Amino acid sequence: MFESPLGHSILKKAQEKGLVSIRLVDPRAYTTDRHRMTDDYPYGGGQGMVMKPEPLVSAIEAIRARSPKALVVLLSPQGAVFTQQKAAELSQREDLVLVCGRYEGIDERVKS
């Protein structure tokens, strides 16, 4: 899903020039069931499906094992607006992890 937009336009040029390195991590690689499921019903009930905390936390921990100083940012419609100022601030980080949710969101236990 992400390879196509990340391999074109400005991001493609930035990668070719060595200005940015993008590595995708599939949370399914961190599941323990045979169907590699990353979604579940919301903890405590509710509508829709959310990303399970276990594979997502395991993926983040694996990234942090390689990059202990990485800043992890959970992208969410409920979060702060992504502005040019925030982009400039984040661009100064050596390692940045952007966690993109699907479905109705990410299980709230991941935030802690």
Protein backbone atom coordinates (compact mmCIF):
# COMPACT_ATOMS: atom_id res chain seq x y z
CA MET A 1 0.00 0.00 0.00
CA PHE A 2 2.79 2.45 0.86
CA GLU A 3 5.48 1.43 -1.61
CA SER A 4 3.83 3.15 -4.56
CA PRO A 5 3.39 6.67 -3.10
CA LEU A 6 6.79 6.53 -1.37
CA GLY A 7 8.51 5.62 -4.63
CA HIS A 8 7.39 8.64 -6.62
CA SER A 9 7.74 12.40 -6.83
CA ILE A 10 9.51 14.32 -4.04
CA LEU A 11 10.00 11.29 -1.78
CA LYS A 12 11.58 9.32 -4.61
CA LYS A 13 14.01 12.14 -5.37
CA ALA A 14 14.88 12.57 -1.68
CA GLN A 15 15.64 8.85 -1.38
CA GLU A 16 17.77 8.86 -4.54
CA LYS A 17 19.80 11.77 -3.17
CA GLY A 18 20.26 10.02 0.17
CA LEU A 19 18.37 12.72 2.06
CA VAL A 20 15.89 10.25 3.53
CA SER A 21 15.72 6.53 4.03
CA ILE A 22 12.30 4.91 4.33
CA ARG A 23 11.80 1.42 5.72
CA LEU A 24 8.37 -0.16 5.90
CA VAL A 25 7.56 -2.59 8.71
CA ASP A 26 4.62 -4.98 8.35
CA PRO A 27 2.95 -5.67 11.72
CA ARG A 28 1.76 -9.02 10.33
CA ALA A 29 5.35 -10.21 10.69
CA TYR A 30 4.89 -9.86 14.45
CA THR A 31 1.68 -11.85 14.85
CA THR A 32 1.52 -15.22 16.55
CA ASP A 33 -1.57 -16.78 14.99
CA ARG A 34 -1.55 -18.79 11.79
CA HIS A 35 -3.74 -16.28 9.93
CA ARG A 36 -1.42 -13.37 10.83
CA MET A 37 -4.33 -11.23 12.01
CA THR A 38 -3.65 -7.67 13.09
CA ASP A 39 -7.23 -6.57 13.63
CA ASP A 40 -9.71 -7.24 16.42
CA TYR A 41 -12.89 -5.87 17.91
CA PRO A 42 -12.34 -2.81 20.13
CA TYR A 43 -11.42 -3.62 23.73
CA GLY A 44 -14.55 -2.95 25.78
CA GLY A 45 -16.83 -3.20 22.74
CA GLY A 46 -17.80 -0.73 20.09
CA GLN A 47 -18.22 -0.47 16.37
CA GLY A 48 -15.74 -1.53 13.69
CA MET A 49 -12.32 -3.11 13.98
CA VAL A 50 -9.07 -1.81 15.45
CA MET A 51 -5.45 -2.85 15.12
CA LYS A 52 -4.47 -5.32 17.83
CA PRO A 53 -1.91 -4.04 20.33
CA GLU A 54 0.32 -7.14 20.49
CA PRO A 55 1.76 -7.19 16.94
CA LEU A 56 2.00 -3.42 16.77
CA VAL A 57 3.83 -3.12 20.09
CA SER A 58 6.15 -5.99 19.09
CA ALA A 59 6.96 -4.24 15.80
CA ILE A 60 7.68 -0.94 17.60
CA GLU A 61 9.88 -2.72 20.16
CA ALA A 62 11.84 -4.41 17.35
CA ILE A 63 12.43 -1.02 15.71
CA ARG A 64 13.50 0.52 19.02
CA ALA A 65 15.96 -2.34 19.57
CA ARG A 66 17.76 -1.22 16.39
CA SER A 67 17.16 2.52 16.88
CA PRO A 68 16.80 3.27 20.61
CA LYS A 69 16.54 7.03 20.06
CA ALA A 70 13.74 6.75 17.48
CA LEU A 71 10.77 9.00 18.08
CA VAL A 72 7.51 7.07 17.64
CA VAL A 73 4.57 9.10 16.34
CA LEU A 74 1.11 7.58 16.34
CA LEU A 75 -0.83 9.15 13.47
CA SER A 76 -4.46 9.72 14.37
CA PRO A 77 -7.34 11.98 13.31
CA GLN A 78 -7.68 12.90 16.99
CA GLY A 79 -4.08 14.17 17.19
CA ALA A 80 -2.56 17.56 16.56
CA VAL A 81 -2.68 18.98 13.05
CA PHE A 82 0.46 18.23 11.02
CA THR A 83 1.85 21.65 10.14
CA GLN A 84 4.92 22.84 8.25
CA GLN A 85 6.43 23.82 11.61
CA LYS A 86 5.91 20.27 12.94
CA ALA A 87 7.40 18.84 9.72
CA ALA A 88 10.50 21.02 10.15
CA GLU A 89 10.82 19.91 13.79
CA LEU A 90 10.49 16.22 12.94
CA SER A 91 12.93 16.54 10.03
CA GLN A 92 15.70 17.18 12.56
CA ARG A 93 15.28 13.71 14.06
CA GLU A 94 17.76 11.01 13.06
CA ASP A 95 15.18 8.20 13.42
CA LEU A 96 11.45 8.67 13.17
CA VAL A 97 8.75 6.00 13.30
CA LEU A 98 5.32 6.89 11.92
CA VAL A 99 2.62 4.44 13.01
CA CYS A 100 -0.28 4.45 10.55
CA GLY A 101 -3.54 2.91 11.75
CA ARG A 102 -6.26 1.27 9.72
CA TYR A 103 -9.86 0.29 10.25
CA GLU A 104 -11.44 2.35 13.04
CA GLY A 105 -8.03 3.04 14.56
CA ILE A 106 -5.51 1.46 16.88
CA ASP A 107 -6.27 -0.21 20.19
CA GLU A 108 -5.90 2.46 22.88
CA ARG A 109 -3.54 0.25 24.91
CA VAL A 110 -0.83 0.91 22.31
CA LYS A 111 -0.63 4.56 23.41
CA SER A 112 0.70 3.70 26.86
